[in-house]
N, C-alpha and C. Protein backbone atom coordinates (compact mmCIF):
# COMPACT_ATOMS: atom_id res chain seq x y z
N MET A 1 9.22 1.20 -11.48
CA MET A 1 8.55 1.31 -10.20
C MET A 1 9.07 0.25 -9.25
N GLU A 2 9.14 0.64 -8.02
CA GLU A 2 9.54 -0.32 -7.00
C GLU A 2 8.40 -1.31 -6.75
N LYS A 3 8.76 -2.54 -6.48
CA LYS A 3 7.75 -3.57 -6.24
C LYS A 3 6.79 -3.19 -5.11
N GLU A 4 7.33 -2.60 -4.05
CA GLU A 4 6.49 -2.26 -2.90
C GLU A 4 5.41 -1.24 -3.26
N ILE A 5 5.77 -0.31 -4.12
CA ILE A 5 4.82 0.72 -4.54
C ILE A 5 3.70 0.08 -5.36
N VAL A 6 4.07 -0.77 -6.29
CA VAL A 6 3.08 -1.44 -7.13
C VAL A 6 2.18 -2.35 -6.31
N ILE A 7 2.78 -3.10 -5.39
CA ILE A 7 2.00 -4.00 -4.55
C ILE A 7 1.03 -3.20 -3.68
N GLY A 8 1.46 -2.06 -3.14
CA GLY A 8 0.58 -1.21 -2.34
C GLY A 8 -0.58 -0.67 -3.15
N ALA A 9 -0.31 -0.24 -4.37
CA ALA A 9 -1.36 0.28 -5.24
C ALA A 9 -2.36 -0.81 -5.61
N LEU A 10 -1.86 -1.97 -5.96
CA LEU A 10 -2.76 -3.07 -6.31
C LEU A 10 -3.58 -3.53 -5.10
N ALA A 11 -2.97 -3.55 -3.95
CA ALA A 11 -3.70 -3.93 -2.73
C ALA A 11 -4.82 -2.95 -2.44
N ALA A 12 -4.55 -1.66 -2.63
CA ALA A 12 -5.59 -0.65 -2.40
C ALA A 12 -6.75 -0.83 -3.36
N LEU A 13 -6.47 -1.17 -4.60
CA LEU A 13 -7.52 -1.32 -5.61
C LEU A 13 -8.21 -2.68 -5.54
N ALA A 14 -7.71 -3.59 -4.73
CA ALA A 14 -8.31 -4.92 -4.62
C ALA A 14 -9.61 -4.90 -3.82
N GLN A 15 -9.97 -3.76 -3.27
CA GLN A 15 -11.21 -3.63 -2.51
C GLN A 15 -12.23 -2.93 -3.41
N GLU A 16 -13.44 -3.47 -3.48
CA GLU A 16 -14.46 -3.02 -4.44
C GLU A 16 -14.80 -1.54 -4.32
N THR A 17 -15.00 -1.05 -3.11
CA THR A 17 -15.37 0.35 -2.94
C THR A 17 -14.24 1.28 -3.38
N ARG A 18 -13.01 0.94 -3.01
CA ARG A 18 -11.88 1.77 -3.42
C ARG A 18 -11.70 1.77 -4.93
N LEU A 19 -11.95 0.65 -5.57
CA LEU A 19 -11.87 0.58 -7.02
C LEU A 19 -12.94 1.48 -7.65
N ASP A 20 -14.15 1.47 -7.10
CA ASP A 20 -15.21 2.35 -7.60
C ASP A 20 -14.84 3.82 -7.44
N ILE A 21 -14.27 4.17 -6.30
CA ILE A 21 -13.85 5.55 -6.06
C ILE A 21 -12.76 5.94 -7.06
N TYR A 22 -11.79 5.08 -7.24
CA TYR A 22 -10.69 5.37 -8.16
C TYR A 22 -11.21 5.54 -9.59
N ARG A 23 -12.12 4.68 -10.00
CA ARG A 23 -12.71 4.79 -11.35
C ARG A 23 -13.43 6.12 -11.53
N ALA A 24 -14.18 6.53 -10.51
CA ALA A 24 -14.91 7.81 -10.58
C ALA A 24 -13.92 8.97 -10.72
N LEU A 25 -12.81 8.90 -9.99
CA LEU A 25 -11.82 9.96 -10.07
C LEU A 25 -11.10 9.98 -11.42
N VAL A 26 -10.83 8.82 -11.97
CA VAL A 26 -10.19 8.75 -13.28
C VAL A 26 -11.13 9.32 -14.34
N GLN A 27 -12.41 8.99 -14.26
CA GLN A 27 -13.38 9.52 -15.22
C GLN A 27 -13.52 11.03 -15.10
N ALA A 28 -13.38 11.55 -13.89
CA ALA A 28 -13.50 13.00 -13.68
C ALA A 28 -12.32 13.75 -14.29
N GLY A 29 -11.20 13.08 -14.43
CA GLY A 29 -10.02 13.71 -15.02
C GLY A 29 -9.24 14.53 -14.01
N PRO A 30 -8.36 15.39 -14.51
CA PRO A 30 -7.44 16.12 -13.64
C PRO A 30 -8.11 17.10 -12.68
N VAL A 31 -9.33 17.52 -12.98
CA VAL A 31 -10.01 18.44 -12.07
C VAL A 31 -10.49 17.72 -10.82
N GLY A 32 -10.66 16.41 -10.90
CA GLY A 32 -11.06 15.63 -9.75
C GLY A 32 -12.51 15.83 -9.36
N LEU A 33 -12.84 15.37 -8.17
CA LEU A 33 -14.18 15.49 -7.61
C LEU A 33 -14.09 15.81 -6.14
N PRO A 34 -15.01 16.62 -5.63
CA PRO A 34 -15.05 16.82 -4.18
C PRO A 34 -15.51 15.53 -3.50
N ALA A 35 -15.09 15.34 -2.28
CA ALA A 35 -15.44 14.12 -1.54
C ALA A 35 -16.96 13.95 -1.45
N GLY A 36 -17.67 15.02 -1.23
CA GLY A 36 -19.13 14.93 -1.13
C GLY A 36 -19.77 14.43 -2.41
N ALA A 37 -19.23 14.84 -3.55
CA ALA A 37 -19.76 14.39 -4.84
C ALA A 37 -19.49 12.90 -5.03
N ILE A 38 -18.31 12.46 -4.63
CA ILE A 38 -17.98 11.04 -4.75
C ILE A 38 -18.95 10.22 -3.90
N GLY A 39 -19.15 10.66 -2.67
CA GLY A 39 -20.07 9.97 -1.78
C GLY A 39 -21.48 9.92 -2.32
N SER A 40 -21.95 11.02 -2.89
CA SER A 40 -23.30 11.07 -3.44
C SER A 40 -23.47 10.15 -4.64
N VAL A 41 -22.51 10.23 -5.55
CA VAL A 41 -22.59 9.42 -6.77
C VAL A 41 -22.55 7.93 -6.45
N LEU A 42 -21.68 7.54 -5.53
CA LEU A 42 -21.50 6.12 -5.23
C LEU A 42 -22.33 5.63 -4.05
N GLY A 43 -23.01 6.55 -3.36
CA GLY A 43 -23.84 6.15 -2.22
C GLY A 43 -23.03 5.64 -1.05
N ILE A 44 -21.92 6.31 -0.77
CA ILE A 44 -21.03 5.90 0.31
C ILE A 44 -21.15 6.89 1.46
N PRO A 45 -21.40 6.43 2.68
CA PRO A 45 -21.44 7.35 3.83
C PRO A 45 -20.10 8.05 4.02
N SER A 46 -20.13 9.27 4.56
CA SER A 46 -18.92 10.08 4.65
C SER A 46 -17.80 9.44 5.47
N ALA A 47 -18.14 8.77 6.57
CA ALA A 47 -17.09 8.12 7.38
C ALA A 47 -16.41 7.00 6.59
N THR A 48 -17.19 6.23 5.87
CA THR A 48 -16.64 5.14 5.06
C THR A 48 -15.81 5.70 3.92
N LEU A 49 -16.32 6.74 3.28
CA LEU A 49 -15.60 7.37 2.18
C LEU A 49 -14.26 7.91 2.66
N SER A 50 -14.25 8.56 3.80
CA SER A 50 -13.03 9.11 4.36
C SER A 50 -11.98 8.01 4.57
N PHE A 51 -12.40 6.88 5.09
CA PHE A 51 -11.49 5.75 5.31
C PHE A 51 -10.88 5.29 3.99
N HIS A 52 -11.72 5.11 2.97
CA HIS A 52 -11.23 4.60 1.70
C HIS A 52 -10.34 5.62 0.98
N LEU A 53 -10.68 6.90 1.08
CA LEU A 53 -9.83 7.93 0.48
C LEU A 53 -8.46 7.97 1.15
N LYS A 54 -8.45 7.77 2.46
CA LYS A 54 -7.18 7.72 3.18
C LYS A 54 -6.32 6.57 2.69
N GLU A 55 -6.93 5.43 2.46
CA GLU A 55 -6.18 4.26 1.97
C GLU A 55 -5.64 4.50 0.56
N LEU A 56 -6.46 5.10 -0.30
CA LEU A 56 -6.00 5.40 -1.66
C LEU A 56 -4.88 6.43 -1.64
N LYS A 57 -4.99 7.40 -0.76
CA LYS A 57 -3.95 8.43 -0.66
C LYS A 57 -2.64 7.82 -0.15
N SER A 58 -2.73 6.98 0.87
CA SER A 58 -1.50 6.39 1.42
C SER A 58 -0.83 5.44 0.43
N SER A 59 -1.60 4.89 -0.50
CA SER A 59 -1.01 4.02 -1.51
C SER A 59 -0.37 4.81 -2.64
N GLY A 60 -0.61 6.13 -2.67
CA GLY A 60 -0.04 6.97 -3.70
C GLY A 60 -0.87 7.07 -4.97
N LEU A 61 -2.06 6.49 -4.95
CA LEU A 61 -2.90 6.51 -6.15
C LEU A 61 -3.63 7.83 -6.35
N ILE A 62 -3.92 8.52 -5.27
CA ILE A 62 -4.61 9.81 -5.38
C ILE A 62 -3.90 10.83 -4.50
N ARG A 63 -4.19 12.07 -4.78
CA ARG A 63 -3.75 13.15 -3.90
C ARG A 63 -4.97 14.02 -3.66
N CYS A 64 -4.93 14.74 -2.59
CA CYS A 64 -6.09 15.58 -2.28
C CYS A 64 -5.62 16.96 -1.90
N GLU A 65 -6.52 17.88 -2.08
CA GLU A 65 -6.24 19.26 -1.66
C GLU A 65 -7.51 19.80 -1.04
N ARG A 66 -7.32 20.54 0.00
CA ARG A 66 -8.45 21.09 0.74
C ARG A 66 -8.79 22.45 0.14
N ARG A 67 -10.07 22.64 -0.11
CA ARG A 67 -10.56 23.93 -0.60
C ARG A 67 -11.68 24.38 0.31
N GLY A 68 -11.69 25.64 0.63
CA GLY A 68 -12.73 26.16 1.51
C GLY A 68 -12.40 25.94 2.96
N THR A 69 -13.44 25.91 3.78
CA THR A 69 -13.22 25.76 5.23
C THR A 69 -13.23 24.33 5.66
C-alpha cells in the first residue's frame, strides 16, 4: 500500500464517530447497512452521518451504492 492511502485511512478512523460507523459496517459484513440503520443504531443525525460517510468513502475505507429512490 502507498503511504498516502494508509495515512488517509488512519486519519479517517482517528475520529470517534467514524470509527464507530466503520465498526458497525465491519460487523454487518459484506451486505452492509443502510445509512438510516447506521444512524439509528449509533444515534447520529442524518446530516452528521452523511458527512462522516463521505469522509470514510473518500478515504477508500467504504463504498456505497444507492438503492431505491
